[in-house]
Amino acid sequence: MLEELLDTDVPTAAPDTPVADVAAAMRETDADAVVVLDEDRPLGVVTPATLGRAVVAGEDLSTDVVADLLDGDPVTIRRVATRADLVAVFAREDAREAIVLDDADQYLGVVSFEDVLAAYGREFDALLDLVA
């Protein structure tokens, strides 16, 4: 299960939130992501990379709303999934974040690729300690 990796403190935004407000929230909270929710339904994740791609594409971040930055369906996974399932989702979707949902499709939080790497790294270190 993904609870040990789940970040529930990720800021959220409504689809009509100005991009500038989302960027400011990321700066102020030192957040790596903002989840865009339409009520409780996740629409996607905005990251610094998302903002950077918008700048490079010439988007007007002073007038655009955050929903304008989202493309396609969000990458989601159930909280009861395993880490192996999550790694498979990251590989299949070429994603760095996944939105974690409960059994009723309610938003719970986010798991990042870096979170998974850190968890596997801690386990690998523990194994090395056993043989040292």
Protein backbone atom coordinates (compact mmCIF):
# COMPACT_ATOMS: atom_id res chain seq x y z
CA MET A 1 0.00 0.00 0.00
CA LEU A 2 1.11 3.52 -0.73
CA GLU A 3 0.27 5.19 2.58
CA GLU A 4 3.93 5.32 3.65
CA LEU A 5 4.76 7.38 0.54
CA LEU A 6 1.63 9.48 0.38
CA ASP A 7 2.03 13.26 0.64
CA THR A 8 -1.25 14.67 1.89
CA ASP A 9 0.05 18.23 2.33
CA VAL A 10 0.13 19.04 -1.37
CA PRO A 11 -1.63 22.34 -2.10
CA THR A 12 -4.75 22.15 -4.24
CA ALA A 13 -6.35 24.60 -6.63
CA ALA A 14 -9.63 24.91 -8.48
CA PRO A 15 -9.50 24.75 -12.29
CA ASP A 16 -10.28 28.47 -12.59
CA THR A 17 -7.41 29.54 -10.31
CA PRO A 18 -5.06 31.97 -12.08
CA VAL A 19 -1.71 30.39 -12.95
CA ALA A 20 0.05 33.28 -11.24
CA ASP A 21 -1.71 32.38 -7.97
CA VAL A 22 -0.65 28.73 -8.28
CA ALA A 23 2.94 29.74 -8.93
CA ALA A 24 2.87 32.06 -5.92
CA ALA A 25 1.44 29.29 -3.72
CA MET A 26 4.20 26.93 -4.85
CA ARG A 27 6.81 29.56 -4.01
CA GLU A 28 5.32 30.45 -0.63
CA THR A 29 4.85 26.84 0.52
CA ASP A 30 7.96 25.46 -1.21
CA ALA A 31 5.67 22.91 -2.86
CA ASP A 32 6.84 20.67 -5.69
CA ALA A 33 3.30 20.27 -6.99
CA VAL A 34 -0.24 21.61 -6.87
CA VAL A 35 -3.16 19.27 -7.50
CA VAL A 36 -6.00 20.73 -9.55
CA LEU A 37 -9.35 19.53 -8.23
CA ASP A 38 -12.82 20.06 -9.65
CA GLU A 39 -14.64 19.65 -6.34
CA ASP A 40 -13.13 16.31 -5.25
CA ARG A 41 -12.30 15.06 -8.76
CA PRO A 42 -8.61 15.40 -9.64
CA LEU A 43 -7.93 16.98 -13.02
CA GLY A 44 -4.14 16.98 -12.90
CA VAL A 45 -0.94 18.06 -11.22
CA VAL A 46 0.94 21.30 -11.88
CA THR A 47 4.67 21.21 -11.19
CA PRO A 48 7.51 23.64 -11.76
CA ALA A 49 8.14 21.76 -15.01
CA THR A 50 4.54 22.42 -16.08
CA LEU A 51 5.02 26.13 -15.45
CA GLY A 52 8.34 26.10 -17.27
CA ARG A 53 6.83 24.45 -20.35
CA ALA A 54 4.08 27.08 -20.36
CA VAL A 55 6.64 29.89 -20.23
CA VAL A 56 8.66 28.35 -23.07
CA ALA A 57 5.46 27.93 -25.11
CA GLY A 58 4.73 31.63 -24.70
CA GLU A 59 1.63 31.22 -22.56
CA ASP A 60 0.42 34.34 -20.78
CA LEU A 61 0.66 33.18 -17.19
CA SER A 62 -0.76 36.47 -15.93
CA THR A 63 -4.17 35.76 -17.50
CA ASP A 64 -4.36 31.98 -17.96
CA VAL A 65 -6.12 29.74 -15.46
CA VAL A 66 -4.51 26.58 -14.19
CA ALA A 67 -6.90 24.30 -16.14
CA ASP A 68 -5.32 25.70 -19.33
CA LEU A 69 -2.03 24.02 -18.38
CA LEU A 70 -3.47 20.54 -17.99
CA ASP A 71 -3.39 18.06 -20.82
CA GLY A 72 -5.21 14.76 -20.84
CA ASP A 73 -6.32 12.66 -17.92
CA PRO A 74 -4.38 12.83 -14.67
CA VAL A 75 -2.14 9.94 -13.66
CA THR A 76 -3.93 8.24 -10.78
CA ILE A 77 -3.45 5.14 -8.68
CA ARG A 78 -5.42 3.52 -5.88
CA ARG A 79 -4.07 3.74 -2.34
CA VAL A 80 -4.13 -0.08 -2.10
CA ALA A 81 -1.66 -0.40 -4.99
CA THR A 82 1.85 -1.64 -4.36
CA ARG A 83 5.07 0.21 -5.04
CA ALA A 84 5.65 -2.13 -7.97
CA ASP A 85 2.27 -1.08 -9.37
CA LEU A 86 3.26 2.55 -8.94
CA VAL A 87 6.58 2.07 -10.71
CA ALA A 88 4.72 0.41 -13.58
CA VAL A 89 2.32 3.38 -13.79
CA PHE A 90 5.23 5.84 -13.80
CA ALA A 91 6.90 3.89 -16.62
CA ARG A 92 3.73 3.43 -18.68
CA GLU A 93 2.59 7.05 -18.32
CA ASP A 94 6.08 8.61 -18.38
CA ALA A 95 5.06 10.48 -15.22
CA ARG A 96 6.86 11.79 -12.15
CA GLU A 97 3.77 12.17 -9.93
CA ALA A 98 0.63 10.14 -9.38
CA ILE A 99 -2.54 11.24 -7.67
CA VAL A 100 -3.62 8.69 -5.07
CA LEU A 101 -7.34 7.92 -4.82
CA ASP A 102 -9.38 5.95 -2.32
CA ASP A 103 -11.91 3.29 -3.29
CA ALA A 104 -14.57 5.96 -3.94
CA ASP A 105 -12.26 7.93 -6.31
CA GLN A 106 -11.71 10.63 -3.68
CA TYR A 107 -8.41 12.50 -3.68
CA LEU A 108 -6.03 11.46 -0.89
CA GLY A 109 -2.68 12.93 -1.90
CA VAL A 110 0.26 12.58 -4.25
CA VAL A 111 3.18 10.19 -4.59
CA SER A 112 6.23 11.27 -6.54
CA PHE A 113 8.85 9.26 -8.36
CA GLU A 114 11.42 10.73 -5.97
CA ASP A 115 9.41 9.41 -2.99
CA VAL A 116 9.59 5.91 -4.44
CA LEU A 117 13.32 6.18 -5.11
CA ALA A 118 13.93 7.36 -1.55
CA ALA A 119 11.94 4.44 -0.11
CA TYR A 120 13.82 1.88 -2.19
CA GLY A 121 17.08 3.60 -1.25
CA ARG A 122 16.33 3.31 2.48
CA GLU A 123 15.55 -0.38 2.04
CA PHE A 124 18.72 -0.94 0.06
CA ASP A 125 20.76 0.82 2.78
CA ALA A 126 19.16 -1.41 5.41
CA LEU A 127 20.11 -4.49 3.40
CA LEU A 128 23.69 -3.27 3.08
CA ASP A 129 23.83 -2.75 6.84
CA LEU A 130 22.86 -6.40 7.31
CA VAL A 131 25.80 -7.67 5.26
CA ALA A 132 28.38 -5.17 6.50
